[in-house]
Amino acid sequence: MNPRCYAMKTRLRNIAELRFIGALFLRMNFPKITLHQIAELYGGQDHSSVISGLARAHNLIYTADPRFMQKYNTVLKSVNQWLRNEESEYASACSA
């Protein structure tokens, strides 16, 4: 998804669900990031919108919604690949 879409003030399900997933991954991989900071990344939304999105994402994962899980797993795969690349680059820089 185009990064500009995260800041859009739309409730279209496709975009909203990707914002939910984005917020979830930010919280999982950057635990010190605040809800307010995530809200700012998403176009100045309120932190309560982020809380609502996180709750919605957790609920969709818990209920194993097939469409949401497909998106979630795609993002998970991409994030894990990015983290492996970052780790590999860090290890290469340390051994040089």
Protein backbone atom coordinates (compact mmCIF):
# COMPACT_ATOMS: atom_id res chain seq x y z
CA MET A 1 0.00 0.00 0.00
CA ASN A 2 1.18 3.49 -0.77
CA PRO A 3 2.40 5.15 2.47
CA ARG A 4 0.13 8.14 1.80
CA CYS A 5 -2.87 5.84 2.23
CA TYR A 6 -2.10 5.40 5.93
CA ALA A 7 -2.77 9.10 6.52
CA MET A 8 -6.01 9.19 4.54
CA LYS A 9 -9.13 10.03 6.51
CA THR A 10 -11.13 7.20 4.98
CA ARG A 11 -13.05 4.32 6.47
CA LEU A 12 -12.70 2.09 3.42
CA ARG A 13 -12.25 -1.39 4.84
CA ASN A 14 -9.11 -2.23 2.83
CA ILE A 15 -7.30 0.90 3.98
CA ALA A 16 -8.61 0.80 7.55
CA GLU A 17 -7.53 -2.83 8.00
CA LEU A 18 -4.05 -2.06 6.75
CA ARG A 19 -3.86 0.81 9.25
CA PHE A 20 -4.88 -1.67 11.98
CA ILE A 21 -2.13 -4.05 10.90
CA GLY A 22 0.40 -1.22 10.63
CA ALA A 23 -0.38 -0.02 14.15
CA LEU A 24 -0.16 -3.57 15.46
CA PHE A 25 3.25 -4.15 13.90
CA LEU A 26 4.55 -0.79 15.09
CA ARG A 27 3.55 -1.67 18.65
CA MET A 28 5.02 -5.18 18.38
CA ASN A 29 8.35 -4.18 16.83
CA PHE A 30 8.85 -0.75 18.40
CA PRO A 31 7.45 -1.09 21.94
CA LYS A 32 8.53 2.40 22.98
CA ILE A 33 6.46 4.11 20.28
CA THR A 34 3.47 5.86 21.81
CA LEU A 35 -0.12 5.76 20.63
CA HIS A 36 0.13 9.48 19.99
CA GLN A 37 3.16 8.96 17.71
CA ILE A 38 1.33 6.27 15.76
CA ALA A 39 -1.68 8.59 15.45
CA GLU A 40 0.61 11.30 14.05
CA LEU A 41 1.99 8.86 11.47
CA TYR A 42 -1.58 8.16 10.43
CA GLY A 43 -2.41 11.74 9.56
CA GLY A 44 -2.97 13.22 12.98
CA GLN A 45 -5.68 10.88 14.14
CA ASP A 46 -6.52 10.72 17.82
CA HIS A 47 -4.76 8.14 20.00
CA SER A 48 -8.16 6.63 20.79
CA SER A 49 -8.51 5.80 17.09
CA VAL A 50 -5.27 3.84 17.34
CA ILE A 51 -6.54 2.02 20.43
CA SER A 52 -9.74 1.15 18.57
CA GLY A 53 -7.75 -0.07 15.55
CA LEU A 54 -5.52 -2.25 17.71
CA ALA A 55 -8.55 -3.76 19.43
CA ARG A 56 -10.18 -4.40 16.05
CA ALA A 57 -7.00 -6.07 14.73
CA HIS A 58 -6.74 -8.31 17.79
CA ASN A 59 -10.41 -9.26 17.41
CA LEU A 60 -10.00 -10.11 13.72
CA ILE A 61 -6.95 -12.24 14.51
CA TYR A 62 -8.76 -13.97 17.39
CA THR A 63 -11.73 -14.81 15.17
CA ALA A 64 -9.38 -15.82 12.32
CA ASP A 65 -11.21 -13.69 9.75
CA PRO A 66 -9.94 -15.21 6.47
CA ARG A 67 -9.57 -11.95 4.51
CA PHE A 68 -7.88 -10.18 7.38
CA MET A 69 -5.58 -13.13 8.12
CA GLN A 70 -4.44 -13.21 4.49
CA LYS A 71 -3.46 -9.52 4.73
CA TYR A 72 -1.93 -10.02 8.16
CA ASN A 73 0.19 -12.98 7.04
CA THR A 74 1.37 -11.09 3.94
CA VAL A 75 2.47 -8.17 6.09
CA LEU A 76 4.04 -10.52 8.67
CA LYS A 77 6.09 -12.19 5.95
CA SER A 78 7.22 -8.81 4.61
CA VAL A 79 8.13 -7.45 8.05
CA ASN A 80 10.05 -10.60 8.95
CA GLN A 81 12.00 -10.36 5.67
CA TRP A 82 12.80 -6.70 6.36
CA LEU A 83 13.95 -7.54 9.91
CA ARG A 84 16.16 -10.36 8.61
CA ASN A 85 17.72 -7.99 6.07
CA GLU A 86 18.35 -5.37 8.77
CA GLU A 87 19.89 -8.00 11.03
CA SER A 88 22.08 -9.28 8.22
CA GLU A 89 23.28 -5.77 7.35
CA TYR A 90 24.03 -5.09 11.02
CA ALA A 91 26.02 -8.33 11.35
CA SER A 92 27.98 -7.50 8.20
CA ALA A 93 28.79 -4.01 9.48
CA CYS A 94 29.93 -5.38 12.85
CA SER A 95 32.25 -7.96 11.31
CA ALA A 96 33.88 -5.47 8.93
